[in-house]
Amino acid sequence: MTHVMLDIETLGREPGCVVLSIGAVTFDPHVPEGTEIYGARSFEALIAPASCLEYGMDIESDTFKWWLTQGAEAFHYAMSGTEKLYQVLGGFALWLESVGMTELWAKSPQFDCSILASRYRPTGQALPWGYRQPRDLRTLLALAGSNFPAVPMTGIEHRALDDAAHQVRQACAAMRHLKLA
């Protein structure tokens, strides 16, 4: 099984909003702690906001204002995309196929997967995952309970690839805590 953790950054909270970046990393929850993402394959793309507007995507003002409070490094990263939406979605689909993705994790799939799914349709591309593949990290963390130790963040918070790697460490720790891995 190939697990993939997905994170996106957006200019909104609803399907139809501008997608700024996609970050994803493969992982294996059944290996020793600290090696879950060792040698993992990753995907990162920063999308030009203007290319999203071509497909009728929206910018939510509250989310844009929120980005202004996240620090200069995170804001600059989020707004620095140059890639075309159509090309990024196609590249992500090819990457998912190349890694043999069987489970697509996100925190939460109702956000990340739903928003991305809403972007594949207008670009005329097939959704690269089935309805049985999304998994919910937030639910897994809730099952692990309140006595579950926090996993420290490394990298830049709100950089999609760094967030995806952090979420992998959280998922694997929760699985070990629950004796699922």
N, C-alpha and C. Protein backbone atom coordinates (compact mmCIF):
# COMPACT_ATOMS: atom_id res chain seq x y z
N MET A 1 0.84 -1.19 0.00
CA MET A 1 0.00 0.00 0.00
C MET A 1 0.88 1.24 0.00
N THR A 2 0.51 2.21 -0.79
CA THR A 2 1.22 3.48 -0.79
C THR A 2 0.29 4.55 -0.23
N HIS A 3 0.68 5.03 0.93
CA HIS A 3 -0.05 6.12 1.57
C HIS A 3 0.52 7.44 1.05
N VAL A 4 -0.36 8.40 0.79
CA VAL A 4 0.05 9.74 0.38
C VAL A 4 -0.65 10.73 1.30
N MET A 5 0.12 11.65 1.84
CA MET A 5 -0.45 12.74 2.64
C MET A 5 -0.49 13.98 1.75
N LEU A 6 -1.65 14.62 1.71
CA LEU A 6 -1.90 15.79 0.87
C LEU A 6 -2.16 17.01 1.73
N ASP A 7 -1.63 18.14 1.30
CA ASP A 7 -2.00 19.42 1.91
C ASP A 7 -2.07 20.45 0.79
N ILE A 8 -3.06 21.32 0.86
CA ILE A 8 -3.16 22.42 -0.10
C ILE A 8 -3.25 23.72 0.67
N GLU A 9 -2.87 24.78 0.00
CA GLU A 9 -3.06 26.13 0.52
C GLU A 9 -3.95 26.85 -0.47
N THR A 10 -4.86 27.66 0.03
CA THR A 10 -5.89 28.27 -0.80
C THR A 10 -6.13 29.72 -0.43
N LEU A 11 -6.99 30.34 -1.22
CA LEU A 11 -7.49 31.68 -0.90
C LEU A 11 -8.98 31.60 -0.61
N GLY A 12 -9.36 30.56 0.10
CA GLY A 12 -10.75 30.37 0.49
C GLY A 12 -10.93 29.06 1.21
N ARG A 13 -12.19 28.83 1.65
CA ARG A 13 -12.48 27.62 2.40
C ARG A 13 -13.53 26.74 1.73
N GLU A 14 -13.96 27.12 0.55
CA GLU A 14 -15.02 26.39 -0.14
C GLU A 14 -14.53 25.92 -1.51
N PRO A 15 -15.10 24.81 -2.01
CA PRO A 15 -14.81 24.43 -3.40
C PRO A 15 -15.09 25.62 -4.31
N GLY A 16 -14.21 25.84 -5.26
CA GLY A 16 -14.34 26.99 -6.14
C GLY A 16 -13.38 28.12 -5.79
N CYS A 17 -12.64 27.96 -4.69
CA CYS A 17 -11.67 29.00 -4.30
C CYS A 17 -10.34 28.78 -5.03
N VAL A 18 -9.54 29.82 -5.06
CA VAL A 18 -8.21 29.76 -5.65
C VAL A 18 -7.34 28.80 -4.85
N VAL A 19 -6.66 27.90 -5.56
CA VAL A 19 -5.69 26.99 -4.94
C VAL A 19 -4.30 27.56 -5.21
N LEU A 20 -3.56 27.82 -4.14
CA LEU A 20 -2.23 28.42 -4.27
C LEU A 20 -1.12 27.39 -4.40
N SER A 21 -1.24 26.27 -3.68
CA SER A 21 -0.17 25.28 -3.72
C SER A 21 -0.70 23.91 -3.33
N ILE A 22 0.02 22.91 -3.81
CA ILE A 22 -0.25 21.51 -3.48
C ILE A 22 1.06 20.92 -2.97
N GLY A 23 0.98 20.25 -1.84
CA GLY A 23 2.12 19.51 -1.32
C GLY A 23 1.67 18.11 -0.97
N ALA A 24 2.46 17.12 -1.31
CA ALA A 24 2.11 15.73 -1.00
C ALA A 24 3.39 14.94 -0.79
N VAL A 25 3.30 13.93 0.06
CA VAL A 25 4.45 13.08 0.33
C VAL A 25 3.97 11.66 0.57
N THR A 26 4.73 10.69 0.07
CA THR A 26 4.41 9.29 0.35
C THR A 26 4.93 8.96 1.74
N PHE A 27 4.31 7.95 2.36
CA PHE A 27 4.79 7.53 3.68
C PHE A 27 4.40 6.10 3.94
N ASP A 28 5.06 5.53 4.95
CA ASP A 28 4.80 4.16 5.37
C ASP A 28 4.64 4.15 6.88
N PRO A 29 3.42 3.95 7.38
CA PRO A 29 3.21 3.97 8.83
C PRO A 29 3.71 2.71 9.54
N HIS A 30 4.17 1.72 8.80
CA HIS A 30 4.56 0.44 9.39
C HIS A 30 6.07 0.29 9.54
N VAL A 31 6.79 1.38 9.56
CA VAL A 31 8.24 1.35 9.74
C VAL A 31 8.59 2.03 11.06
N PRO A 32 9.81 1.87 11.54
CA PRO A 32 10.18 2.47 12.83
C PRO A 32 10.02 3.99 12.83
N GLU A 33 9.71 4.50 14.02
CA GLU A 33 9.54 5.94 14.21
C GLU A 33 10.74 6.70 13.68
N GLY A 34 10.47 7.78 12.99
CA GLY A 34 11.52 8.62 12.43
C GLY A 34 11.92 8.24 11.02
N THR A 35 11.42 7.11 10.52
CA THR A 35 11.77 6.68 9.16
C THR A 35 10.56 6.67 8.25
N GLU A 36 9.41 7.15 8.72
CA GLU A 36 8.17 7.09 7.95
C GLU A 36 8.28 7.75 6.59
N ILE A 37 9.01 8.87 6.53
CA ILE A 37 9.11 9.59 5.28
C ILE A 37 10.54 9.61 4.76
N TYR A 38 11.40 8.78 5.34
CA TYR A 38 12.77 8.70 4.87
C TYR A 38 12.78 8.17 3.44
N GLY A 39 13.36 8.90 2.55
CA GLY A 39 13.41 8.49 1.15
C GLY A 39 12.07 8.60 0.45
N ALA A 40 11.12 9.25 1.10
CA ALA A 40 9.78 9.37 0.51
C ALA A 40 9.84 10.20 -0.76
N ARG A 41 8.87 9.95 -1.60
CA ARG A 41 8.74 10.76 -2.80
C ARG A 41 7.75 11.88 -2.50
N SER A 42 8.02 13.03 -3.06
CA SER A 42 7.16 14.18 -2.75
C SER A 42 6.76 14.91 -4.03
N PHE A 43 5.70 15.70 -3.88
CA PHE A 43 5.20 16.55 -4.95
C PHE A 43 4.94 17.91 -4.35
N GLU A 44 5.42 18.94 -5.03
CA GLU A 44 5.14 20.31 -4.59
C GLU A 44 4.97 21.19 -5.82
N ALA A 45 3.93 21.98 -5.82
CA ALA A 45 3.69 22.91 -6.91
C ALA A 45 3.05 24.18 -6.37
N LEU A 46 3.53 25.30 -6.87
CA LEU A 46 2.97 26.60 -6.51
C LEU A 46 2.27 27.16 -7.74
N ILE A 47 0.99 27.40 -7.60
CA ILE A 47 0.13 27.76 -8.71
C ILE A 47 -0.02 29.28 -8.79
N ALA A 48 0.05 29.80 -10.01
CA ALA A 48 -0.16 31.23 -10.23
C ALA A 48 -1.64 31.54 -9.96
N PRO A 49 -1.92 32.41 -9.00
CA PRO A 49 -3.32 32.73 -8.72
C PRO A 49 -4.11 33.18 -9.95
N ALA A 50 -3.47 33.90 -10.86
CA ALA A 50 -4.16 34.36 -12.07
C ALA A 50 -4.64 33.20 -12.92
N SER A 51 -3.89 32.08 -12.92
CA SER A 51 -4.33 30.93 -13.73
C SER A 51 -5.58 30.30 -13.14
N CYS A 52 -5.79 30.44 -11.84
CA CYS A 52 -7.01 29.94 -11.20
C CYS A 52 -8.21 30.82 -11.56
N LEU A 53 -7.97 32.10 -11.64
CA LEU A 53 -9.06 33.03 -11.96
C LEU A 53 -9.61 32.78 -13.36
N GLU A 54 -8.77 32.24 -14.25
CA GLU A 54 -9.21 31.90 -15.61
C GLU A 54 -10.32 30.85 -15.59
N TYR A 55 -10.38 30.05 -14.54
CA TYR A 55 -11.40 29.00 -14.41
C TYR A 55 -12.53 29.42 -13.49
N GLY A 56 -12.63 30.71 -13.21
CA GLY A 56 -13.73 31.22 -12.41
C GLY A 56 -13.60 30.97 -10.92
N MET A 57 -12.40 30.73 -10.46
CA MET A 57 -12.20 30.51 -9.03
C MET A 57 -12.29 31.83 -8.27
N ASP A 58 -12.68 31.73 -7.01
CA ASP A 58 -12.91 32.91 -6.19
C ASP A 58 -11.79 33.12 -5.16
N ILE A 59 -11.63 34.36 -4.77
CA ILE A 59 -10.78 34.74 -3.65
C ILE A 59 -11.69 35.21 -2.54
N GLU A 60 -11.61 34.57 -1.39
CA GLU A 60 -12.41 34.99 -0.24
C GLU A 60 -11.59 36.02 0.54
N SER A 61 -12.16 37.19 0.74
CA SER A 61 -11.42 38.28 1.38
C SER A 61 -10.96 37.93 2.78
N ASP A 62 -11.77 37.19 3.55
CA ASP A 62 -11.37 36.82 4.91
C ASP A 62 -10.12 35.95 4.89
N THR A 63 -10.04 35.04 3.93
CA THR A 63 -8.86 34.17 3.84
C THR A 63 -7.64 34.97 3.41
N PHE A 64 -7.81 35.89 2.47
CA PHE A 64 -6.68 36.73 2.07
C PHE A 64 -6.18 37.55 3.25
N LYS A 65 -7.09 38.11 4.03
CA LYS A 65 -6.69 38.87 5.23
C LYS A 65 -5.97 37.97 6.22
N TRP A 66 -6.43 36.71 6.36
CA TRP A 66 -5.78 35.76 7.25
C TRP A 66 -4.34 35.52 6.80
N TRP A 67 -4.11 35.37 5.49
CA TRP A 67 -2.76 35.17 4.98
C TRP A 67 -1.85 36.32 5.38
N LEU A 68 -2.38 37.52 5.43
CA LEU A 68 -1.57 38.70 5.79
C LEU A 68 -1.07 38.62 7.23
N THR A 69 -1.71 37.79 8.07
CA THR A 69 -1.30 37.66 9.47
C THR A 69 -0.36 36.48 9.70
N GLN A 70 0.00 35.74 8.66
CA GLN A 70 0.77 34.50 8.83
C GLN A 70 2.28 34.67 8.73
N GLY A 71 2.74 35.87 8.63
CA GLY A 71 4.18 36.12 8.56
C GLY A 71 4.64 36.27 7.12
N ALA A 72 5.71 37.03 6.94
CA ALA A 72 6.19 37.37 5.60
C ALA A 72 6.62 36.13 4.81
N GLU A 73 7.32 35.20 5.47
CA GLU A 73 7.82 34.02 4.75
C GLU A 73 6.68 33.16 4.22
N ALA A 74 5.70 32.90 5.06
CA ALA A 74 4.55 32.09 4.63
C ALA A 74 3.75 32.81 3.56
N PHE A 75 3.53 34.11 3.72
CA PHE A 75 2.76 34.88 2.74
C PHE A 75 3.48 34.89 1.39
N HIS A 76 4.78 35.15 1.41
CA HIS A 76 5.55 35.19 0.17
C HIS A 76 5.50 33.83 -0.53
N TYR A 77 5.70 32.77 0.22
CA TYR A 77 5.63 31.42 -0.35
C TYR A 77 4.26 31.20 -1.00
N ALA A 78 3.20 31.51 -0.27
CA ALA A 78 1.84 31.25 -0.75
C ALA A 78 1.53 32.00 -2.03
N MET A 79 2.03 33.20 -2.17
CA MET A 79 1.66 34.05 -3.31
C MET A 79 2.68 34.01 -4.45
N SER A 80 3.70 33.15 -4.35
CA SER A 80 4.78 33.19 -5.34
C SER A 80 4.61 32.20 -6.50
N GLY A 81 3.46 31.57 -6.60
CA GLY A 81 3.26 30.57 -7.64
C GLY A 81 3.35 31.11 -9.05
N THR A 82 3.91 30.30 -9.94
CA THR A 82 4.03 30.69 -11.34
C THR A 82 3.47 29.62 -12.29
N GLU A 83 3.12 28.45 -11.77
CA GLU A 83 2.67 27.35 -12.61
C GLU A 83 1.18 27.48 -12.94
N LYS A 84 0.80 26.98 -14.09
CA LYS A 84 -0.59 26.99 -14.55
C LYS A 84 -1.38 25.89 -13.84
N LEU A 85 -2.60 26.21 -13.42
CA LEU A 85 -3.46 25.27 -12.72
C LEU A 85 -3.62 23.97 -13.49
N TYR A 86 -3.94 24.06 -14.76
CA TYR A 86 -4.17 22.88 -15.59
C TYR A 86 -2.95 21.95 -15.56
N GLN A 87 -1.77 22.51 -15.71
CA GLN A 87 -0.55 21.71 -15.73
C GLN A 87 -0.26 21.09 -14.37
N VAL A 88 -0.49 21.84 -13.31
CA VAL A 88 -0.25 21.31 -11.97
C VAL A 88 -1.18 20.14 -11.67
N LEU A 89 -2.46 20.29 -11.98
CA LEU A 89 -3.40 19.20 -11.72
C LEU A 89 -3.04 17.96 -12.52
N GLY A 90 -2.66 18.13 -13.76
CA GLY A 90 -2.22 17.00 -14.57
C GLY A 90 -0.96 16.36 -14.01
N GLY A 91 -0.02 17.18 -13.60
CA GLY A 91 1.22 16.67 -13.01
C GLY A 91 0.97 15.93 -11.71
N PHE A 92 0.05 16.44 -10.90
CA PHE A 92 -0.28 15.77 -9.64
C PHE A 92 -0.92 14.41 -9.91
N ALA A 93 -1.81 14.36 -10.88
CA ALA A 93 -2.45 13.08 -11.24
C ALA A 93 -1.40 12.07 -11.70
N LEU A 94 -0.46 12.50 -12.53
CA LEU A 94 0.61 11.61 -12.99
C LEU A 94 1.49 11.15 -11.83
N TRP A 95 1.78 12.06 -10.91
CA TRP A 95 2.60 11.72 -9.75
C TRP A 95 1.90 10.68 -8.88
N LEU A 96 0.60 10.89 -8.61
CA LEU A 96 -0.15 9.91 -7.81
C LEU A 96 -0.11 8.53 -8.46
N GLU A 97 -0.26 8.49 -9.77
CA GLU A 97 -0.19 7.21 -10.48
C GLU A 97 1.20 6.61 -10.39
N SER A 98 2.23 7.43 -10.53
CA SER A 98 3.61 6.93 -10.51
C SER A 98 4.01 6.34 -9.17
N VAL A 99 3.45 6.86 -8.08
CA VAL A 99 3.79 6.33 -6.75
C VAL A 99 2.88 5.18 -6.35
N GLY A 100 1.85 4.92 -7.14
CA GLY A 100 0.93 3.82 -6.83
C GLY A 100 0.07 4.09 -5.61
N MET A 101 -0.43 5.31 -5.49
CA MET A 101 -1.22 5.72 -4.33
C MET A 101 -2.43 4.80 -4.14
N THR A 102 -2.58 4.30 -2.90
CA THR A 102 -3.75 3.50 -2.55
C THR A 102 -4.62 4.19 -1.51
N GLU A 103 -4.00 5.04 -0.68
CA GLU A 103 -4.73 5.80 0.34
C GLU A 103 -4.26 7.24 0.29
N LEU A 104 -5.22 8.17 0.22
CA LEU A 104 -4.93 9.59 0.15
C LEU A 104 -5.39 10.25 1.44
N TRP A 105 -4.44 10.62 2.27
CA TRP A 105 -4.71 11.23 3.57
C TRP A 105 -4.71 12.74 3.46
N ALA A 106 -5.52 13.39 4.27
CA ALA A 106 -5.54 14.84 4.37
C ALA A 106 -6.15 15.22 5.71
N LYS A 107 -5.94 16.46 6.09
CA LYS A 107 -6.49 16.98 7.35
C LYS A 107 -7.33 18.20 7.02
N SER A 108 -8.42 18.04 6.58
CA SER A 108 -9.37 16.96 6.37
C SER A 108 -9.62 16.78 4.88
N PRO A 109 -9.97 15.56 4.46
CA PRO A 109 -10.29 15.36 3.05
C PRO A 109 -11.49 16.19 2.60
N GLN A 110 -12.38 16.52 3.53
CA GLN A 110 -13.52 17.36 3.16
C GLN A 110 -13.06 18.75 2.72
N PHE A 111 -11.87 19.13 3.13
CA PHE A 111 -11.30 20.41 2.67
C PHE A 111 -10.39 20.15 1.47
N ASP A 112 -9.25 19.52 1.70
CA ASP A 112 -8.22 19.37 0.66
C ASP A 112 -8.73 18.61 -0.56
N CYS A 113 -9.26 17.43 -0.36
CA CYS A 113 -9.72 16.60 -1.49
C CYS A 113 -10.92 17.23 -2.19
N SER A 114 -11.85 17.78 -1.44
CA SER A 114 -13.04 18.38 -2.05
C SER A 114 -12.68 19.59 -2.89
N ILE A 115 -11.81 20.43 -2.38
CA ILE A 115 -11.42 21.62 -3.13
C ILE A 115 -10.66 21.21 -4.39
N LEU A 116 -9.71 20.28 -4.27
CA LEU A 116 -8.99 19.84 -5.47
C LEU A 116 -9.93 19.17 -6.46
N ALA A 117 -10.83 18.33 -5.98
CA ALA A 117 -11.79 17.67 -6.87
C ALA A 117 -12.59 18.70 -7.65
N SER A 118 -12.96 19.79 -6.99
CA SER A 118 -13.74 20.83 -7.68
C SER A 118 -12.93 21.55 -8.74
N ARG A 119 -11.62 21.41 -8.74
CA ARG A 119 -10.75 22.04 -9.73
C ARG A 119 -10.48 21.13 -10.93
N TYR A 120 -10.53 19.83 -10.73
CA TYR A 120 -10.31 18.91 -11.85
C TYR A 120 -11.42 19.03 -12.88
N ARG A 121 -12.65 19.10 -12.44
CA ARG A 121 -13.79 19.13 -13.37
C ARG A 121 -13.73 20.30 -14.35
N PRO A 122 -13.55 21.55 -13.90
CA PRO A 122 -13.55 22.67 -14.84
C PRO A 122 -12.38 22.62 -15.84
N THR A 123 -11.29 21.95 -15.47
CA THR A 123 -10.15 21.86 -16.39
C THR A 123 -10.28 20.67 -17.33
N GLY A 124 -11.37 19.91 -17.20
CA GLY A 124 -11.62 18.79 -18.10
C GLY A 124 -10.76 17.57 -17.82
N GLN A 125 -10.23 17.47 -16.60
CA GLN A 125 -9.36 16.35 -16.26
C GLN A 125 -10.09 15.39 -15.31
N ALA A 126 -9.73 14.13 -15.41
CA ALA A 126 -10.34 13.11 -14.55
C ALA A 126 -9.76 13.21 -13.14
N LEU A 127 -10.60 12.98 -12.16
CA LEU A 127 -10.17 12.97 -10.76
C LEU A 127 -9.23 11.77 -10.56
N PRO A 128 -8.04 11.98 -10.02
CA PRO A 128 -7.06 10.89 -9.93
C PRO A 128 -7.18 10.00 -8.69
N TRP A 129 -8.29 10.05 -8.00
CA TRP A 129 -8.53 9.15 -6.88
C TRP A 129 -10.00 8.77 -6.87
N GLY A 130 -10.26 7.61 -6.25
CA GLY A 130 -11.63 7.13 -6.13
C GLY A 130 -12.22 7.48 -4.78
N TYR A 131 -13.51 7.28 -4.65
CA TYR A 131 -14.20 7.67 -3.43
C TYR A 131 -13.77 6.85 -2.21
N ARG A 132 -13.16 5.71 -2.40
CA ARG A 132 -12.72 4.87 -1.27
C ARG A 132 -11.31 5.20 -0.78
N GLN A 133 -10.60 6.05 -1.46
CA GLN A 133 -9.20 6.30 -1.12
C GLN A 133 -8.94 7.38 -0.08
N PRO A 134 -9.75 8.43 0.03
CA PRO A 134 -9.45 9.46 1.03
C PRO A 134 -9.54 8.95 2.47
N ARG A 135 -8.60 9.41 3.29
CA ARG A 135 -8.53 9.09 4.71
C ARG A 135 -8.41 10.40 5.47
N ASP A 136 -8.96 10.44 6.70
CA ASP A 136 -9.05 11.68 7.47
C ASP A 136 -8.10 11.66 8.65
N LEU A 137 -7.05 12.48 8.57
CA LEU A 137 -6.09 12.59 9.67
C LEU A 137 -6.74 13.15 10.93
N ARG A 138 -7.62 14.12 10.78
CA ARG A 138 -8.26 14.73 11.96
C ARG A 138 -9.02 13.68 12.77
N THR A 139 -9.71 12.77 12.09
CA THR A 139 -10.42 11.69 12.79
C THR A 139 -9.43 10.77 13.48
N LEU A 140 -8.35 10.42 12.81
CA LEU A 140 -7.33 9.55 13.41
C LEU A 140 -6.76 10.19 14.68
N LEU A 141 -6.47 11.48 14.63
CA LEU A 141 -5.92 12.17 15.81
C LEU A 141 -6.93 12.20 16.95
N ALA A 142 -8.21 12.37 16.63
CA ALA A 142 -9.25 12.36 17.67
C ALA A 142 -9.34 10.98 18.31
N LEU A 143 -9.21 9.94 17.52
CA LEU A 143 -9.24 8.58 18.07
C LEU A 143 -8.04 8.32 18.98
N ALA A 144 -6.91 8.95 18.68
CA ALA A 144 -5.71 8.77 19.50
C ALA A 144 -5.89 9.39 20.89
N GLY A 145 -6.81 10.36 21.01
CA GLY A 145 -7.15 10.90 22.32
C GLY A 145 -6.36 12.11 22.74
N SER A 146 -6.82 12.70 23.82
CA SER A 146 -6.21 13.94 24.32
C SER A 146 -4.88 13.71 25.02
N ASN A 147 -4.58 12.49 25.45
CA ASN A 147 -3.29 12.23 26.10
C ASN A 147 -2.21 11.88 25.08
N PHE A 148 -2.54 11.97 23.82
CA PHE A 148 -1.61 11.72 22.73
C PHE A 148 -0.61 12.89 22.66
N PRO A 149 0.69 12.62 22.66
CA PRO A 149 1.67 13.72 22.68
C PRO A 149 1.70 14.50 21.36
N ALA A 150 1.89 15.80 21.47
CA ALA A 150 1.97 16.67 20.29
C ALA A 150 3.23 16.35 19.50
N VAL A 151 3.13 16.48 18.20
CA VAL A 151 4.27 16.28 17.31
C VAL A 151 4.74 17.66 16.86
N PRO A 152 5.99 18.03 17.16
CA PRO A 152 6.44 19.38 16.81
C PRO A 152 6.53 19.59 15.30
N MET A 153 6.19 20.79 14.88
CA MET A 153 6.25 21.19 13.47
C MET A 153 7.69 21.49 13.10
N THR A 154 8.11 21.02 11.93
CA THR A 154 9.39 21.42 11.37
C THR A 154 9.12 22.02 10.00
N GLY A 155 9.94 22.96 9.59
CA GLY A 155 9.72 23.62 8.32
C GLY A 155 8.89 24.87 8.48
N ILE A 156 8.31 25.31 7.37
CA ILE A 156 7.51 26.54 7.35
C ILE A 156 6.03 26.17 7.45
N GLU A 157 5.40 26.63 8.52
CA GLU A 157 3.96 26.40 8.66
C GLU A 157 3.22 27.08 7.51
N HIS A 158 2.29 26.37 6.90
CA HIS A 158 1.48 26.80 5.76
C HIS A 158 2.25 26.73 4.44
N ARG A 159 3.40 26.08 4.44
CA ARG A 159 4.02 25.65 3.19
C ARG A 159 3.47 24.25 2.97
N ALA A 160 2.74 24.04 1.91
CA ALA A 160 1.98 22.79 1.72
C ALA A 160 2.84 21.54 1.91
N LEU A 161 4.03 21.50 1.35
CA LEU A 161 4.88 20.31 1.48
C LEU A 161 5.33 20.10 2.92
N ASP A 162 5.71 21.16 3.61
CA ASP A 162 6.11 21.04 5.01
C ASP A 162 4.93 20.61 5.88
N ASP A 163 3.75 21.15 5.61
CA ASP A 163 2.56 20.74 6.36
C ASP A 163 2.24 19.28 6.11
N ALA A 164 2.36 18.82 4.85
CA ALA A 164 2.09 17.41 4.55
C ALA A 164 3.07 16.50 5.30
N ALA A 165 4.35 16.85 5.35
CA ALA A 165 5.34 16.05 6.07
C ALA A 165 5.02 16.03 7.56
N HIS A 166 4.63 17.17 8.11
CA HIS A 166 4.25 17.23 9.52
C HIS A 166 3.05 16.34 9.80
N GLN A 167 2.07 16.38 8.91
CA GLN A 167 0.88 15.56 9.07
C GLN A 167 1.21 14.07 8.99
N VAL A 168 2.21 13.71 8.19
CA VAL A 168 2.67 12.31 8.15
C VAL A 168 3.18 11.90 9.52
N ARG A 169 4.01 12.74 10.11
CA ARG A 169 4.56 12.41 11.44
C ARG A 169 3.44 12.28 12.47
N GLN A 170 2.42 13.14 12.37
CA GLN A 170 1.26 13.04 13.27
C GLN A 170 0.50 11.74 13.04
N ALA A 171 0.25 11.39 11.80
CA ALA A 171 -0.51 10.18 11.47
C ALA A 171 0.21 8.93 11.97
N CYS A 172 1.50 8.86 11.71
CA CYS A 172 2.27 7.68 12.12
C CYS A 172 2.36 7.57 13.64
N ALA A 173 2.53 8.69 14.32
CA ALA A 173 2.56 8.66 15.78
C ALA A 173 1.22 8.21 16.34
N ALA A 174 0.14 8.70 15.75
CA ALA A 174 -1.20 8.30 16.21
C ALA A 174 -1.44 6.82 15.95
N MET A 175 -1.03 6.33 14.79
CA MET A 175 -1.19 4.90 14.49
C MET A 175 -0.40 4.04 15.46
N ARG A 176 0.82 4.45 15.78
CA ARG A 176 1.62 3.71 16.77
C ARG A 176 0.94 3.74 18.13
N HIS A 177 0.43 4.92 18.51
CA HIS A 177 -0.25 5.08 19.81
C HIS A 177 -1.46 4.15 19.89
N LEU A 178 -2.18 4.03 18.79
CA LEU A 178 -3.37 3.17 18.74
C LEU A 178 -3.03 1.72 18.41
N LYS A 179 -1.74 1.45 18.22
CA LYS A 179 -1.25 0.12 17.87
C LYS A 179 -1.84 -0.37 16.54
N LEU A 180 -1.95 0.55 15.59
CA LEU A 180 -2.42 0.23 14.25
C LEU A 180 -1.27 0.03 13.29
N ALA A 181 -0.07 0.43 13.70
CA ALA A 181 1.10 0.28 12.83
C ALA A 181 2.19 -0.45 13.58
